[in-house]
Amino acid sequence: MGGGNGAKAAQKRERNAKDKAGAAKSQLKANEKALNIQCTVCKATFLSTTRENALNEHATNKHSKTIADCFPDFKAASK
């Protein structure tokens, strides 16, 4: 007279795994769309949330240039 909860639990685990896989794919697509800062020298892309310090570091370390040379359209977020 055991219950059938083992099968229900397995189905729930399977459903949750599918949901997580779908969420991961949609997050990857969202991240891809958010890559909208591009270095004009090497064409490397950065997330729109990338801070000025990281872009400045890229410009100086990779190209020995200023942030204005590599990212002429970049405008620092006002605080």
C-alpha atoms as a PDB file:
ATOM      1  CA  MET A   1       0.000   0.000   0.000  1.00  0.00           C
ATOM      2  CA  GLY A   2       2.853   2.365  -0.729  1.00  0.00           C
ATOM      3  CA  GLY A   3       2.075   5.701  -2.303  1.00  0.00           C
ATOM      4  CA  GLY A   4       3.001   6.735  -5.827  1.00  0.00           C
ATOM      5  CA  ASN A   5       4.923   9.764  -4.674  1.00  0.00           C
ATOM      6  CA  GLY A   6       8.225   8.482  -6.068  1.00  0.00           C
ATOM      7  CA  ALA A   7       6.969   8.886  -9.625  1.00  0.00           C
ATOM      8  CA  LYS A   8       5.578  12.340  -8.847  1.00  0.00           C
ATOM      9  CA  ALA A   9       8.902  13.445  -7.408  1.00  0.00           C
ATOM     10  CA  ALA A  10      10.766  12.164 -10.459  1.00  0.00           C
ATOM     11  CA  GLN A  11       8.375  14.010 -12.763  1.00  0.00           C
ATOM     12  CA  LYS A  12       8.796  17.203 -10.757  1.00  0.00           C
ATOM     13  CA  ARG A  13      12.617  16.914 -10.906  1.00  0.00           C
ATOM     14  CA  GLU A  14      12.426  16.388 -14.659  1.00  0.00           C
ATOM     15  CA  ARG A  15      10.110  19.396 -15.100  1.00  0.00           C
ATOM     16  CA  ASN A  16      12.383  21.595 -12.967  1.00  0.00           C
ATOM     17  CA  ALA A  17      15.438  20.551 -14.993  1.00  0.00           C
ATOM     18  CA  LYS A  18      13.664  21.557 -18.221  1.00  0.00           C
ATOM     19  CA  ASP A  19      12.665  24.909 -16.698  1.00  0.00           C
ATOM     20  CA  LYS A  20      16.247  25.629 -15.630  1.00  0.00           C
ATOM     21  CA  ALA A  21      17.578  24.739 -19.074  1.00  0.00           C
ATOM     22  CA  GLY A  22      15.058  27.085 -20.703  1.00  0.00           C
ATOM     23  CA  ALA A  23      15.936  29.887 -18.296  1.00  0.00           C
ATOM     24  CA  ALA A  24      19.650  29.470 -18.999  1.00  0.00           C
ATOM     25  CA  LYS A  25      19.087  29.733 -22.749  1.00  0.00           C
ATOM     26  CA  SER A  26      16.957  32.842 -22.406  1.00  0.00           C
ATOM     27  CA  GLN A  27      19.580  34.441 -20.136  1.00  0.00           C
ATOM     28  CA  LEU A  28      22.279  33.755 -22.730  1.00  0.00           C
ATOM     29  CA  LYS A  29      20.155  35.448 -25.384  1.00  0.00           C
ATOM     30  CA  ALA A  30      19.592  38.441 -23.104  1.00  0.00           C
ATOM     31  CA  ASN A  31      23.312  38.712 -22.386  1.00  0.00           C
ATOM     32  CA  GLU A  32      24.092  38.532 -26.085  1.00  0.00           C
ATOM     33  CA  LYS A  33      21.717  41.417 -26.789  1.00  0.00           C
ATOM     34  CA  ALA A  34      23.256  43.435 -23.931  1.00  0.00           C
ATOM     35  CA  LEU A  35      26.731  43.297 -25.505  1.00  0.00           C
ATOM     36  CA  ASN A  36      26.332  46.734 -27.000  1.00  0.00           C
ATOM     37  CA  ILE A  37      29.625  48.454 -26.124  1.00  0.00           C
ATOM     38  CA  GLN A  38      32.238  47.673 -28.750  1.00  0.00           C
ATOM     39  CA  CYS A  39      35.915  48.574 -28.935  1.00  0.00           C
ATOM     40  CA  THR A  40      36.556  50.330 -32.241  1.00  0.00           C
ATOM     41  CA  VAL A  41      40.122  48.964 -32.375  1.00  0.00           C
ATOM     42  CA  CYS A  42      39.689  45.211 -31.772  1.00  0.00           C
ATOM     43  CA  LYS A  43      35.873  44.921 -31.984  1.00  0.00           C
ATOM     44  CA  ALA A  44      35.663  43.274 -28.542  1.00  0.00           C
ATOM     45  CA  THR A  45      32.166  43.604 -27.074  1.00  0.00           C
ATOM     46  CA  PHE A  46      31.218  44.472 -23.517  1.00  0.00           C
ATOM     47  CA  LEU A  47      27.953  44.389 -21.584  1.00  0.00           C
ATOM     48  CA  SER A  48      26.067  47.633 -21.362  1.00  0.00           C
ATOM     49  CA  THR A  49      26.573  47.506 -17.585  1.00  0.00           C
ATOM     50  CA  THR A  50      30.375  47.559 -17.900  1.00  0.00           C
ATOM     51  CA  ARG A  51      31.864  50.350 -15.837  1.00  0.00           C
ATOM     52  CA  GLU A  52      34.147  53.062 -17.134  1.00  0.00           C
ATOM     53  CA  ASN A  53      37.124  51.696 -15.166  1.00  0.00           C
ATOM     54  CA  ALA A  54      36.965  48.336 -16.959  1.00  0.00           C
ATOM     55  CA  LEU A  55      36.745  49.999 -20.375  1.00  0.00           C
ATOM     56  CA  ASN A  56      39.611  52.331 -19.522  1.00  0.00           C
ATOM     57  CA  GLU A  57      41.671  49.334 -18.389  1.00  0.00           C
ATOM     58  CA  HIS A  58      40.961  47.568 -21.701  1.00  0.00           C
ATOM     59  CA  ALA A  59      41.968  50.629 -23.719  1.00  0.00           C
ATOM     60  CA  THR A  60      45.236  51.200 -21.872  1.00  0.00           C
ATOM     61  CA  ASN A  61      46.312  47.570 -21.403  1.00  0.00           C
ATOM     62  CA  LYS A  62      45.328  46.172 -24.781  1.00  0.00           C
ATOM     63  CA  HIS A  63      45.914  49.134 -27.076  1.00  0.00           C
ATOM     64  CA  SER A  64      47.882  51.796 -25.139  1.00  0.00           C
ATOM     65  CA  LYS A  65      45.102  54.228 -26.003  1.00  0.00           C
ATOM     66  CA  THR A  66      42.530  56.257 -24.127  1.00  0.00           C
ATOM     67  CA  ILE A  67      38.936  55.305 -23.494  1.00  0.00           C
ATOM     68  CA  ALA A  68      37.894  57.988 -26.007  1.00  0.00           C
ATOM     69  CA  ASP A  69      40.007  56.309 -28.722  1.00  0.00           C
ATOM     70  CA  CYS A  70      38.517  52.858 -28.206  1.00  0.00           C
ATOM     71  CA  PHE A  71      34.984  53.745 -27.127  1.00  0.00           C
ATOM     72  CA  PRO A  72      34.080  57.113 -28.670  1.00  0.00           C
ATOM     73  CA  ASP A  73      30.328  56.596 -28.100  1.00  0.00           C
ATOM     74  CA  PHE A  74      30.685  55.613 -24.432  1.00  0.00           C
ATOM     75  CA  LYS A  75      29.093  57.990 -21.972  1.00  0.00           C
ATOM     76  CA  ALA A  76      29.717  57.421 -18.274  1.00  0.00           C
ATOM     77  CA  ALA A  77      26.570  56.821 -16.269  1.00  0.00           C
ATOM     78  CA  SER A  78      25.739  59.783 -14.082  1.00  0.00           C
ATOM     79  CA  LYS A  79      25.711  59.029 -10.377  1.00  0.00           C
END
